[in-house]
Amino acid sequence: RNLTATEEAAEIGQAASSWSDRRIRAVWPDTIESAGTSQEGYFLCAALAGLASGVLPHQGLTRVTLSGFSSVRRTVEKFNRTQLDAMAGSGVWIVTQSQEGAIFNRQAITTASYDDINQREEMVTRNVDSISFRFKEWFEPFIGITNVTPTVLTRIGTEVSNLTNLLKTESATDNLGGQLIDATVVELRRHLTLRDRIVVKLNLTIPYALNNIEVHLAI
């Protein structure tokens, strides 16, 4: 069918939202140019993956420029702002271009619910995953060589505090702060049925990307 731009934007948004998963990104445009050569969109996806791996875990990618490409005609010439907004609201990660020619991420989002910032923001998943791996590595020395005892529970509680304090400052910058703002231990106990297991539950306060600034002027 010959769809209008509005209809096509709706179709693209529907395809993205059908995934509905914070670990899946649907990227637009579907083709991108590099020095006049048109390339398939998976080259763009690979570039975005590389970009994400090259920044701090709590660095958002919204408005971050992307090197290696020269034109995103399928974004800037095909859709207007309203149509792009509709696509983004359905979970489409859009790469666009400024009037000066810079290629950049319009908003770094996942295909999960746009209304839930913990699901929507790509950086949140990347940061919390990084924190999860740090906890796994941090507790590795306990596995197999200690027993489930009150003494070990106390030691693990101390290590939880040590790591959360480290995550607040270790990768902190003036613009980003740390990976973690705060953490509260909700549970630290033996597992109720699995006798070789200790349960640690934390409530995390994490940083979020600054996507908007409201200025209210009253006279």
N, C-alpha and C. Protein backbone atom coordinates (compact mmCIF):
# COMPACT_ATOMS: atom_id res chain seq x y z
N ARG A 1 0.83 -1.20 0.00
CA ARG A 1 0.00 0.00 0.00
C ARG A 1 0.87 1.25 0.00
N ASN A 2 0.35 2.31 -0.58
CA ASN A 2 1.03 3.60 -0.53
C ASN A 2 0.53 4.37 0.68
N LEU A 3 1.29 4.31 1.77
CA LEU A 3 0.90 4.97 3.01
C LEU A 3 1.34 6.42 3.00
N THR A 4 0.58 7.27 3.67
CA THR A 4 1.03 8.63 3.92
C THR A 4 2.13 8.56 4.98
N ALA A 5 2.86 9.66 5.16
CA ALA A 5 3.92 9.70 6.17
C ALA A 5 3.34 9.47 7.56
N THR A 6 2.17 10.02 7.82
CA THR A 6 1.53 9.83 9.13
C THR A 6 1.16 8.37 9.34
N GLU A 7 0.62 7.74 8.31
CA GLU A 7 0.25 6.33 8.42
C GLU A 7 1.49 5.45 8.58
N GLU A 8 2.55 5.80 7.86
CA GLU A 8 3.77 5.00 7.97
C GLU A 8 4.40 5.16 9.35
N ALA A 9 4.37 6.39 9.90
CA ALA A 9 4.89 6.61 11.25
C ALA A 9 4.12 5.76 12.26
N ALA A 10 2.80 5.68 12.08
CA ALA A 10 1.97 4.86 12.97
C ALA A 10 2.32 3.39 12.85
N GLU A 11 2.58 2.91 11.63
CA GLU A 11 2.95 1.52 11.41
C GLU A 11 4.30 1.20 12.07
N ILE A 12 5.24 2.10 11.91
CA ILE A 12 6.57 1.91 12.51
C ILE A 12 6.45 1.88 14.04
N GLY A 13 5.66 2.80 14.58
CA GLY A 13 5.45 2.83 16.03
C GLY A 13 4.79 1.57 16.54
N GLN A 14 3.81 1.07 15.79
CA GLN A 14 3.11 -0.15 16.19
C GLN A 14 4.06 -1.35 16.18
N ALA A 15 4.93 -1.41 15.18
CA ALA A 15 5.90 -2.51 15.11
C ALA A 15 6.85 -2.46 16.31
N ALA A 16 7.27 -1.26 16.69
CA ALA A 16 8.18 -1.12 17.83
C ALA A 16 7.50 -1.51 19.14
N SER A 17 6.29 -0.97 19.34
CA SER A 17 5.60 -1.22 20.61
C SER A 17 5.20 -2.67 20.78
N SER A 18 5.12 -3.43 19.68
CA SER A 18 4.75 -4.84 19.77
C SER A 18 5.81 -5.64 20.54
N TRP A 19 7.04 -5.16 20.55
CA TRP A 19 8.08 -5.84 21.34
C TRP A 19 7.85 -5.64 22.83
N SER A 20 7.54 -4.43 23.22
CA SER A 20 7.20 -4.09 24.61
C SER A 20 8.19 -4.69 25.61
N ASP A 21 9.48 -4.39 25.41
CA ASP A 21 10.52 -5.00 26.24
C ASP A 21 11.63 -3.98 26.45
N ARG A 22 12.01 -3.77 27.69
CA ARG A 22 13.04 -2.77 27.98
C ARG A 22 14.42 -3.19 27.48
N ARG A 23 14.57 -4.44 27.08
CA ARG A 23 15.85 -4.91 26.57
C ARG A 23 15.90 -4.93 25.04
N ILE A 24 14.85 -4.46 24.40
CA ILE A 24 14.81 -4.43 22.94
C ILE A 24 14.67 -2.98 22.48
N ARG A 25 15.51 -2.57 21.54
CA ARG A 25 15.45 -1.23 20.97
C ARG A 25 15.04 -1.33 19.50
N ALA A 26 14.12 -0.50 19.11
CA ALA A 26 13.71 -0.41 17.71
C ALA A 26 14.24 0.92 17.17
N VAL A 27 15.17 0.85 16.24
CA VAL A 27 15.91 2.03 15.81
C VAL A 27 15.44 2.50 14.43
N TRP A 28 15.29 3.80 14.27
CA TRP A 28 14.99 4.43 12.98
C TRP A 28 16.06 5.48 12.70
N PRO A 29 16.57 5.62 11.48
CA PRO A 29 16.03 5.15 10.22
C PRO A 29 16.45 3.72 9.87
N ASP A 30 15.76 3.18 8.85
CA ASP A 30 16.02 1.82 8.40
C ASP A 30 17.22 1.74 7.46
N THR A 31 17.58 2.87 6.87
CA THR A 31 18.83 2.98 6.10
C THR A 31 19.49 4.29 6.48
N ILE A 32 20.82 4.33 6.38
CA ILE A 32 21.57 5.52 6.77
C ILE A 32 22.75 5.68 5.83
N GLU A 33 23.14 6.92 5.57
CA GLU A 33 24.22 7.17 4.61
C GLU A 33 25.55 7.41 5.30
N SER A 34 26.60 6.93 4.66
CA SER A 34 27.96 7.20 5.10
C SER A 34 28.78 7.59 3.87
N ALA A 35 29.16 8.85 3.81
CA ALA A 35 29.93 9.37 2.66
C ALA A 35 29.24 9.08 1.34
N GLY A 36 27.91 9.24 1.32
CA GLY A 36 27.14 9.05 0.10
C GLY A 36 26.72 7.63 -0.19
N THR A 37 27.16 6.67 0.63
CA THR A 37 26.78 5.27 0.44
C THR A 37 25.67 4.90 1.42
N SER A 38 24.58 4.38 0.89
CA SER A 38 23.46 3.98 1.74
C SER A 38 23.73 2.62 2.36
N GLN A 39 23.55 2.54 3.68
CA GLN A 39 23.80 1.31 4.41
C GLN A 39 22.54 0.87 5.14
N GLU A 40 22.42 -0.42 5.37
CA GLU A 40 21.27 -0.96 6.09
C GLU A 40 21.28 -0.50 7.55
N GLY A 41 20.11 -0.45 8.14
CA GLY A 41 19.96 0.06 9.49
C GLY A 41 20.71 -0.72 10.55
N TYR A 42 21.05 -1.99 10.27
CA TYR A 42 21.76 -2.75 11.30
C TYR A 42 23.17 -2.22 11.53
N PHE A 43 23.73 -1.50 10.55
CA PHE A 43 25.00 -0.84 10.79
C PHE A 43 24.83 0.28 11.83
N LEU A 44 23.71 0.97 11.77
CA LEU A 44 23.40 2.00 12.75
C LEU A 44 23.22 1.37 14.13
N CYS A 45 22.52 0.23 14.19
CA CYS A 45 22.31 -0.45 15.48
C CYS A 45 23.65 -0.85 16.09
N ALA A 46 24.56 -1.35 15.26
CA ALA A 46 25.88 -1.74 15.75
C ALA A 46 26.65 -0.53 16.28
N ALA A 47 26.51 0.60 15.60
CA ALA A 47 27.19 1.82 16.04
C ALA A 47 26.63 2.30 17.37
N LEU A 48 25.32 2.18 17.56
CA LEU A 48 24.71 2.58 18.82
C LEU A 48 25.14 1.66 19.96
N ALA A 49 25.27 0.37 19.66
CA ALA A 49 25.75 -0.57 20.68
C ALA A 49 27.18 -0.23 21.09
N GLY A 50 28.00 0.11 20.11
CA GLY A 50 29.37 0.51 20.41
C GLY A 50 29.42 1.79 21.20
N LEU A 51 28.54 2.74 20.86
CA LEU A 51 28.49 4.00 21.60
C LEU A 51 28.11 3.75 23.05
N ALA A 52 27.13 2.89 23.29
CA ALA A 52 26.69 2.59 24.66
C ALA A 52 27.80 1.93 25.47
N SER A 53 28.62 1.12 24.80
CA SER A 53 29.69 0.42 25.51
C SER A 53 30.87 1.33 25.82
N GLY A 54 30.91 2.50 25.18
CA GLY A 54 32.05 3.38 25.34
C GLY A 54 31.84 4.52 26.31
N VAL A 55 30.68 4.58 26.94
CA VAL A 55 30.41 5.64 27.91
C VAL A 55 30.16 5.01 29.28
N LEU A 56 30.09 5.83 30.32
CA LEU A 56 29.78 5.33 31.66
C LEU A 56 28.38 4.71 31.68
N PRO A 57 28.15 3.71 32.53
CA PRO A 57 26.85 3.04 32.54
C PRO A 57 25.68 3.98 32.81
N HIS A 58 25.94 5.08 33.55
CA HIS A 58 24.85 6.01 33.88
C HIS A 58 24.88 7.26 33.01
N GLN A 59 25.54 7.16 31.86
CA GLN A 59 25.52 8.24 30.87
C GLN A 59 24.41 7.98 29.87
N GLY A 60 23.42 8.85 29.82
CA GLY A 60 22.37 8.72 28.84
C GLY A 60 22.88 9.03 27.44
N LEU A 61 22.20 8.54 26.42
CA LEU A 61 22.63 8.76 25.04
C LEU A 61 21.73 9.73 24.28
N THR A 62 20.70 10.24 24.94
CA THR A 62 19.85 11.24 24.30
C THR A 62 20.68 12.48 23.97
N ARG A 63 20.54 12.97 22.75
CA ARG A 63 21.25 14.14 22.22
C ARG A 63 22.74 13.90 22.01
N VAL A 64 23.22 12.70 22.20
CA VAL A 64 24.63 12.40 21.97
C VAL A 64 24.86 12.20 20.47
N THR A 65 25.93 12.80 19.94
CA THR A 65 26.23 12.70 18.51
C THR A 65 26.82 11.35 18.18
N LEU A 66 26.67 10.97 16.92
CA LEU A 66 27.10 9.66 16.44
C LEU A 66 28.02 9.86 15.24
N SER A 67 29.23 9.34 15.32
CA SER A 67 30.21 9.49 14.25
C SER A 67 30.07 8.36 13.22
N GLY A 68 30.61 8.61 12.03
CA GLY A 68 30.68 7.57 11.01
C GLY A 68 29.58 7.62 9.97
N PHE A 69 28.62 8.53 10.13
CA PHE A 69 27.52 8.64 9.17
C PHE A 69 27.39 10.10 8.72
N SER A 70 26.81 10.27 7.55
CA SER A 70 26.76 11.61 6.96
C SER A 70 25.35 12.13 6.73
N SER A 71 24.35 11.24 6.67
CA SER A 71 23.00 11.72 6.38
C SER A 71 21.96 10.72 6.87
N VAL A 72 20.86 11.25 7.39
CA VAL A 72 19.71 10.42 7.80
C VAL A 72 18.47 10.96 7.07
N ARG A 73 18.48 10.89 5.76
CA ARG A 73 17.39 11.41 4.95
C ARG A 73 16.05 10.76 5.31
N ARG A 74 16.09 9.48 5.69
CA ARG A 74 14.86 8.76 5.99
C ARG A 74 14.21 9.25 7.29
N THR A 75 14.92 10.08 8.02
CA THR A 75 14.34 10.73 9.20
C THR A 75 13.92 12.16 8.88
N VAL A 76 14.88 12.96 8.43
CA VAL A 76 14.64 14.40 8.33
C VAL A 76 13.79 14.79 7.12
N GLU A 77 13.83 14.00 6.05
CA GLU A 77 13.06 14.35 4.86
C GLU A 77 11.72 13.64 4.79
N LYS A 78 11.56 12.57 5.53
CA LYS A 78 10.36 11.76 5.42
C LYS A 78 9.28 12.16 6.43
N PHE A 79 9.70 12.51 7.68
CA PHE A 79 8.73 12.74 8.74
C PHE A 79 8.88 14.14 9.33
N ASN A 80 7.75 14.69 9.79
CA ASN A 80 7.79 15.96 10.50
C ASN A 80 7.87 15.70 12.00
N ARG A 81 7.92 16.76 12.77
CA ARG A 81 8.11 16.62 14.22
C ARG A 81 6.98 15.85 14.87
N THR A 82 5.76 16.13 14.49
CA THR A 82 4.61 15.44 15.08
C THR A 82 4.66 13.94 14.81
N GLN A 83 5.04 13.58 13.61
CA GLN A 83 5.13 12.16 13.25
C GLN A 83 6.27 11.48 14.01
N LEU A 84 7.39 12.17 14.16
CA LEU A 84 8.51 11.62 14.92
C LEU A 84 8.15 11.48 16.40
N ASP A 85 7.41 12.46 16.93
CA ASP A 85 6.95 12.37 18.33
C ASP A 85 6.08 11.13 18.53
N ALA A 86 5.20 10.86 17.57
CA ALA A 86 4.32 9.70 17.67
C ALA A 86 5.13 8.41 17.65
N MET A 87 6.16 8.36 16.80
CA MET A 87 7.02 7.18 16.74
C MET A 87 7.76 6.99 18.06
N ALA A 88 8.31 8.07 18.58
CA ALA A 88 9.06 7.97 19.85
C ALA A 88 8.15 7.54 20.99
N GLY A 89 6.93 8.06 21.00
CA GLY A 89 5.99 7.68 22.05
C GLY A 89 5.60 6.22 22.01
N SER A 90 5.86 5.56 20.88
CA SER A 90 5.58 4.13 20.75
C SER A 90 6.83 3.27 20.94
N GLY A 91 7.96 3.93 21.28
CA GLY A 91 9.16 3.17 21.59
C GLY A 91 10.20 3.12 20.50
N VAL A 92 10.17 4.06 19.55
CA VAL A 92 11.16 4.07 18.47
C VAL A 92 12.33 4.98 18.85
N TRP A 93 13.51 4.42 18.85
CA TRP A 93 14.75 5.19 19.09
C TRP A 93 15.12 5.83 17.76
N ILE A 94 15.00 7.14 17.68
CA ILE A 94 15.18 7.86 16.42
C ILE A 94 16.55 8.54 16.39
N VAL A 95 17.25 8.34 15.30
CA VAL A 95 18.50 9.05 15.04
C VAL A 95 18.20 10.10 13.98
N THR A 96 18.55 11.34 14.26
CA THR A 96 18.21 12.44 13.37
C THR A 96 19.44 13.30 13.10
N GLN A 97 19.22 14.46 12.50
CA GLN A 97 20.34 15.30 12.07
C GLN A 97 20.01 16.76 12.29
N SER A 98 20.98 17.51 12.80
CA SER A 98 20.80 18.93 13.01
C SER A 98 20.97 19.69 11.69
N GLN A 99 20.59 20.97 11.69
CA GLN A 99 20.75 21.79 10.49
C GLN A 99 22.23 21.97 10.14
N GLU A 100 23.09 21.84 11.16
CA GLU A 100 24.53 21.96 10.92
C GLU A 100 25.14 20.66 10.39
N GLY A 101 24.33 19.58 10.37
CA GLY A 101 24.80 18.32 9.81
C GLY A 101 25.17 17.25 10.81
N ALA A 102 25.11 17.57 12.11
CA ALA A 102 25.49 16.59 13.12
C ALA A 102 24.43 15.49 13.24
N ILE A 103 24.86 14.23 13.25
CA ILE A 103 23.97 13.09 13.45
C ILE A 103 23.88 12.83 14.95
N PHE A 104 22.67 12.72 15.50
CA PHE A 104 22.55 12.52 16.95
C PHE A 104 21.29 11.75 17.29
N ASN A 105 21.27 11.21 18.50
CA ASN A 105 20.11 10.48 19.02
C ASN A 105 19.04 11.45 19.49
N ARG A 106 17.86 11.33 18.95
CA ARG A 106 16.75 12.20 19.37
C ARG A 106 16.35 11.89 20.81
N GLN A 107 16.16 10.63 21.12
CA GLN A 107 15.92 10.18 22.50
C GLN A 107 16.26 8.70 22.58
N ALA A 108 17.08 8.34 23.56
CA ALA A 108 17.53 6.96 23.72
C ALA A 108 16.52 6.19 24.58
N ILE A 109 15.65 5.44 23.91
CA ILE A 109 14.56 4.76 24.61
C ILE A 109 14.47 3.30 24.19
N THR A 110 13.72 2.54 24.96
CA THR A 110 13.47 1.14 24.65
C THR A 110 12.06 1.01 24.09
N THR A 111 11.67 -0.22 23.77
CA THR A 111 10.32 -0.46 23.24
C THR A 111 9.30 -0.70 24.36
N ALA A 112 9.74 -0.64 25.62
CA ALA A 112 8.81 -0.84 26.74
C ALA A 112 7.93 0.40 26.92
N SER A 113 7.04 0.35 27.90
CA SER A 113 6.06 1.41 28.12
C SER A 113 6.72 2.79 28.25
N TYR A 114 6.29 3.72 27.42
CA TYR A 114 6.86 5.07 27.46
C TYR A 114 6.47 5.80 28.74
N ASP A 115 5.38 5.40 29.35
CA ASP A 115 4.90 6.07 30.56
C ASP A 115 5.67 5.68 31.81
N ASP A 116 6.46 4.61 31.75
CA ASP A 116 7.24 4.15 32.89
C ASP A 116 8.71 4.47 32.63
N ILE A 117 9.25 5.44 33.34
CA ILE A 117 10.62 5.89 33.06
C ILE A 117 11.64 4.80 33.32
N ASN A 118 11.36 3.91 34.27
CA ASN A 118 12.29 2.82 34.55
C ASN A 118 12.34 1.81 33.41
N GLN A 119 11.26 1.71 32.66
CA GLN A 119 11.21 0.81 31.50
C GLN A 119 11.65 1.53 30.23
N ARG A 120 11.33 2.82 30.13
CA ARG A 120 11.54 3.57 28.89
C ARG A 120 12.99 3.96 28.65
N GLU A 121 13.67 4.45 29.68
CA GLU A 121 14.99 5.04 29.49
C GLU A 121 16.06 3.96 29.33
N GLU A 122 16.71 3.97 28.19
CA GLU A 122 17.76 2.98 27.90
C GLU A 122 18.85 3.00 28.96
N MET A 123 19.21 4.18 29.43
CA MET A 123 20.28 4.30 30.41
C MET A 123 19.95 3.61 31.72
N VAL A 124 18.69 3.61 32.13
CA VAL A 124 18.30 3.00 33.39
C VAL A 124 18.61 1.50 33.36
N THR A 125 18.20 0.83 32.30
CA THR A 125 18.48 -0.61 32.18
C THR A 125 19.98 -0.86 32.16
N ARG A 126 20.72 -0.07 31.40
CA ARG A 126 22.17 -0.27 31.30
C ARG A 126 22.85 -0.05 32.65
N ASN A 127 22.43 0.97 33.39
CA ASN A 127 23.04 1.27 34.68
C ASN A 127 22.71 0.21 35.73
N VAL A 128 21.44 -0.19 35.81
CA VAL A 128 21.06 -1.19 36.81
C VAL A 128 21.70 -2.54 36.50
N ASP A 129 21.83 -2.87 35.21
CA ASP A 129 22.54 -4.09 34.84
C ASP A 129 23.98 -4.03 35.31
N SER A 130 24.62 -2.88 35.13
CA SER A 130 26.01 -2.72 35.56
C SER A 130 26.12 -2.88 37.08
N ILE A 131 25.18 -2.29 37.81
CA ILE A 131 25.18 -2.42 39.27
C ILE A 131 24.98 -3.88 39.67
N SER A 132 24.10 -4.58 38.98
CA SER A 132 23.85 -6.00 39.28
C SER A 132 25.12 -6.83 39.11
N PHE A 133 25.86 -6.59 38.01
CA PHE A 133 27.09 -7.33 37.78
C PHE A 133 28.15 -7.00 38.84
N ARG A 134 28.17 -5.75 39.30
CA ARG A 134 29.12 -5.38 40.36
C ARG A 134 28.82 -6.13 41.64
N PHE A 135 27.55 -6.27 42.00
CA PHE A 135 27.19 -7.03 43.20
C PHE A 135 27.57 -8.50 43.04
N LYS A 136 27.35 -9.05 41.86
CA LYS A 136 27.71 -10.44 41.61
C LYS A 136 29.21 -10.65 41.80
N GLU A 137 30.01 -9.77 41.23
CA GLU A 137 31.47 -9.87 41.36
C GLU A 137 31.92 -9.64 42.80
N TRP A 138 31.23 -8.71 43.48
CA TRP A 138 31.62 -8.33 44.85
C TRP A 138 31.44 -9.50 45.82
N PHE A 139 30.39 -10.29 45.60
CA PHE A 139 30.10 -11.39 46.52
C PHE A 139 30.70 -12.72 46.08
N GLU A 140 31.37 -12.73 44.93
CA GLU A 140 31.96 -13.97 44.43
C GLU A 140 32.90 -14.63 45.44
N PRO A 141 33.73 -13.88 46.18
CA PRO A 141 34.65 -14.51 47.13
C PRO A 141 33.95 -15.27 48.26
N PHE A 142 32.67 -15.01 48.49
CA PHE A 142 31.94 -15.72 49.54
C PHE A 142 31.44 -17.09 49.09
N ILE A 143 31.26 -17.26 47.78
CA ILE A 143 30.57 -18.45 47.27
C ILE A 143 31.44 -19.69 47.43
N GLY A 144 30.90 -20.70 48.11
CA GLY A 144 31.55 -21.99 48.23
C GLY A 144 32.55 -22.12 49.36
N ILE A 145 33.06 -20.99 49.91
CA ILE A 145 34.07 -21.08 50.96
C ILE A 145 33.58 -20.54 52.30
N THR A 146 32.33 -20.09 52.35
CA THR A 146 31.73 -19.66 53.62
C THR A 146 30.44 -20.43 53.84
N ASN A 147 29.94 -20.36 55.05
CA ASN A 147 28.69 -21.01 55.40
C ASN A 147 27.61 -19.98 55.72
N VAL A 148 26.37 -20.43 55.69
CA VAL A 148 25.25 -19.55 56.02
C VAL A 148 25.15 -19.48 57.54
N THR A 149 25.80 -18.47 58.10
CA THR A 149 25.85 -18.29 59.56
C THR A 149 25.57 -16.83 59.88
N PRO A 150 25.23 -16.54 61.15
CA PRO A 150 25.01 -15.14 61.53
C PRO A 150 26.23 -14.27 61.27
N THR A 151 27.42 -14.83 61.46
CA THR A 151 28.65 -14.05 61.23
C THR A 151 28.78 -13.66 59.76
N VAL A 152 28.51 -14.60 58.87
CA VAL A 152 28.61 -14.32 57.44
C VAL A 152 27.51 -13.34 57.01
N LEU A 153 26.34 -13.46 57.60
CA LEU A 153 25.28 -12.49 57.31
C LEU A 153 25.73 -11.08 57.66
N THR A 154 26.39 -10.95 58.80
CA THR A 154 26.88 -9.62 59.21
C THR A 154 27.94 -9.12 58.25
N ARG A 155 28.84 -10.01 57.84
CA ARG A 155 29.90 -9.62 56.90
C ARG A 155 29.30 -9.20 55.57
N ILE A 156 28.30 -9.92 55.10
CA ILE A 156 27.66 -9.56 53.83
C ILE A 156 26.96 -8.21 53.95
N GLY A 157 26.32 -7.97 55.09
CA GLY A 157 25.69 -6.66 55.30
C GLY A 157 26.71 -5.53 55.23
N THR A 158 27.90 -5.77 55.79
CA THR A 158 28.97 -4.77 55.72
C THR A 158 29.44 -4.55 54.29
N GLU A 159 29.55 -5.65 53.52
CA GLU A 159 30.00 -5.54 52.14
C GLU A 159 28.96 -4.84 51.25
N VAL A 160 27.68 -5.07 51.55
CA VAL A 160 26.63 -4.33 50.83
C VAL A 160 26.82 -2.83 51.04
N SER A 161 27.05 -2.43 52.28
CA SER A 161 27.26 -1.01 52.58
C SER A 161 28.50 -0.48 51.90
N ASN A 162 29.58 -1.28 51.91
CA ASN A 162 30.83 -0.83 51.27
C ASN A 162 30.64 -0.61 49.78
N LEU A 163 29.96 -1.56 49.12
CA LEU A 163 29.79 -1.43 47.67
C LEU A 163 28.84 -0.30 47.31
N THR A 164 27.75 -0.14 48.04
CA THR A 164 26.82 0.95 47.72
C THR A 164 27.50 2.30 47.89
N ASN A 165 28.35 2.45 48.91
CA ASN A 165 29.08 3.70 49.09
C ASN A 165 30.06 3.92 47.95
N LEU A 166 30.69 2.83 47.47
CA LEU A 166 31.62 2.94 46.36
C LEU A 166 30.90 3.35 45.08
N LEU A 167 29.72 2.78 44.84
CA LEU A 167 28.97 3.08 43.62
C LEU A 167 28.46 4.53 43.60
N LYS A 168 28.36 5.14 44.76
CA LYS A 168 27.94 6.54 44.82
C LYS A 168 29.02 7.49 44.31
N THR A 169 30.28 7.07 44.40
CA THR A 169 31.39 7.98 44.12
C THR A 169 32.36 7.50 43.05
N GLU A 170 32.43 6.20 42.81
CA GLU A 170 33.49 5.62 41.98
C GLU A 170 33.55 6.22 40.58
N SER A 171 32.41 6.31 39.90
CA SER A 171 32.38 6.82 38.53
C SER A 171 31.65 8.16 38.46
N ALA A 172 31.67 8.89 39.56
CA ALA A 172 30.92 10.14 39.64
C ALA A 172 31.59 11.25 38.83
N THR A 173 30.78 12.04 38.15
CA THR A 173 31.25 13.25 37.47
C THR A 173 30.32 14.39 37.84
N ASP A 174 30.73 15.60 37.52
CA ASP A 174 29.90 16.76 37.85
C ASP A 174 28.56 16.71 37.11
N ASN A 175 28.57 16.21 35.89
CA ASN A 175 27.34 16.17 35.09
C ASN A 175 26.45 14.99 35.43
N LEU A 176 27.06 13.86 35.80
CA LEU A 176 26.30 12.63 35.95
C LEU A 176 26.07 12.21 37.39
N GLY A 177 26.90 12.68 38.31
CA GLY A 177 26.87 12.11 39.64
C GLY A 177 27.40 10.69 39.60
N GLY A 178 27.04 9.87 40.59
CA GLY A 178 27.48 8.48 40.62
C GLY A 178 26.46 7.55 40.00
N GLN A 179 26.83 6.28 39.90
CA GLN A 179 25.89 5.28 39.38
C GLN A 179 24.70 5.11 40.30
N LEU A 180 24.92 5.35 41.58
CA LEU A 180 23.90 5.13 42.59
C LEU A 180 23.79 6.36 43.46
N ILE A 181 22.58 6.80 43.74
CA ILE A 181 22.37 7.92 44.66
C ILE A 181 22.25 7.41 46.08
N ASP A 182 21.49 6.34 46.28
CA ASP A 182 21.33 5.76 47.61
C ASP A 182 20.78 4.34 47.49
N ALA A 183 20.91 3.59 48.56
CA ALA A 183 20.37 2.23 48.61
C ALA A 183 19.98 1.90 50.03
N THR A 184 18.85 1.24 50.18
CA THR A 184 18.36 0.83 51.49
C THR A 184 18.19 -0.67 51.51
N VAL A 185 18.75 -1.32 52.53
CA VAL A 185 18.61 -2.77 52.67
C VAL A 185 17.21 -3.07 53.21
N VAL A 186 16.42 -3.77 52.41
CA VAL A 186 15.06 -4.16 52.81
C VAL A 186 15.07 -5.51 53.51
N GLU A 187 15.88 -6.43 52.99
CA GLU A 187 15.99 -7.76 53.60
C GLU A 187 17.43 -8.24 53.53
N LEU A 188 17.88 -8.86 54.60
CA LEU A 188 19.16 -9.56 54.63
C LEU A 188 18.96 -10.75 55.57
N ARG A 189 18.80 -11.94 54.99
CA ARG A 189 18.40 -13.11 55.78
C ARG A 189 18.75 -14.40 55.07
N ARG A 190 18.63 -15.49 55.81
CA ARG A 190 18.71 -16.81 55.21
C ARG A 190 17.46 -17.04 54.36
N HIS A 191 17.62 -17.79 53.29
CA HIS A 191 16.46 -18.18 52.49
C HIS A 191 15.57 -19.09 53.32
N LEU A 192 14.27 -18.96 53.15
CA LEU A 192 13.33 -19.71 53.99
C LEU A 192 13.34 -21.20 53.71
N THR A 193 13.63 -21.60 52.48
CA THR A 193 13.60 -23.03 52.14
C THR A 193 14.93 -23.55 51.59
N LEU A 194 15.67 -22.73 50.86
CA LEU A 194 16.96 -23.16 50.29
C LEU A 194 18.05 -22.83 51.30
N ARG A 195 18.52 -23.83 52.01
CA ARG A 195 19.38 -23.62 53.17
C ARG A 195 20.79 -23.17 52.82
N ASP A 196 21.15 -23.28 51.56
CA ASP A 196 22.49 -22.85 51.15
C ASP A 196 22.48 -21.48 50.50
N ARG A 197 21.47 -20.66 50.83
CA ARG A 197 21.30 -19.38 50.14
C ARG A 197 21.00 -18.25 51.13
N ILE A 198 21.57 -17.08 50.83
CA ILE A 198 21.28 -15.86 51.58
C ILE A 198 20.56 -14.89 50.65
N VAL A 199 19.55 -14.23 51.16
CA VAL A 199 18.74 -13.29 50.38
C VAL A 199 19.08 -11.86 50.79
N VAL A 200 19.43 -11.04 49.81
CA VAL A 200 19.66 -9.61 50.03
C VAL A 200 18.74 -8.84 49.09
N LYS A 201 17.88 -8.00 49.65
CA LYS A 201 17.00 -7.16 48.83
C LYS A 201 17.29 -5.69 49.13
N LEU A 202 17.46 -4.93 48.06
CA LEU A 202 17.78 -3.51 48.19
C LEU A 202 16.78 -2.66 47.43
N ASN A 203 16.44 -1.54 47.99
CA ASN A 203 15.71 -0.50 47.25
C ASN A 203 16.72 0.53 46.79
N LEU A 204 16.82 0.72 45.48
CA LEU A 204 17.82 1.62 44.92
C LEU A 204 17.21 2.97 44.55
N THR A 205 17.99 4.02 44.80
CA THR A 205 17.68 5.34 44.26
C THR A 205 18.75 5.63 43.22
N ILE A 206 18.34 5.66 41.96
CA ILE A 206 19.29 5.79 40.86
C ILE A 206 19.13 7.15 40.17
N PRO A 207 20.15 7.59 39.43
CA PRO A 207 20.00 8.84 38.67
C PRO A 207 19.19 8.61 37.39
N TYR A 208 18.55 9.66 36.93
CA TYR A 208 17.79 9.63 35.67
C TYR A 208 18.32 10.72 34.75
N ALA A 209 18.22 10.47 33.46
CA ALA A 209 18.65 11.45 32.47
C ALA A 209 17.78 12.71 32.57
N LEU A 210 18.41 13.86 32.47
CA LEU A 210 17.68 15.12 32.48
C LEU A 210 17.18 15.39 31.07
N ASN A 211 15.90 15.10 30.84
CA ASN A 211 15.33 15.24 29.50
C ASN A 211 14.58 16.56 29.30
N ASN A 212 14.20 17.20 30.39
CA ASN A 212 13.41 18.44 30.27
C ASN A 212 13.75 19.38 31.41
N ILE A 213 13.66 20.67 31.13
CA ILE A 213 13.78 21.71 32.15
C ILE A 213 12.58 22.63 32.02
N GLU A 214 11.83 22.77 33.08
CA GLU A 214 10.69 23.69 33.08
C GLU A 214 11.10 25.02 33.69
N VAL A 215 10.84 26.09 32.97
CA VAL A 215 11.10 27.45 33.48
C VAL A 215 9.77 28.19 33.48
N HIS A 216 9.34 28.63 34.63
CA HIS A 216 8.07 29.37 34.78
C HIS A 216 8.38 30.82 35.13
N LEU A 217 8.00 31.74 34.27
CA LEU A 217 8.23 33.15 34.50
C LEU A 217 6.92 33.83 34.84
N ALA A 218 6.90 34.54 35.97
CA ALA A 218 5.69 35.23 36.40
C ALA A 218 5.99 36.73 36.53
N ILE A 219 5.06 37.53 36.05
CA ILE A 219 5.23 38.98 36.18
C ILE A 219 3.97 39.57 36.81
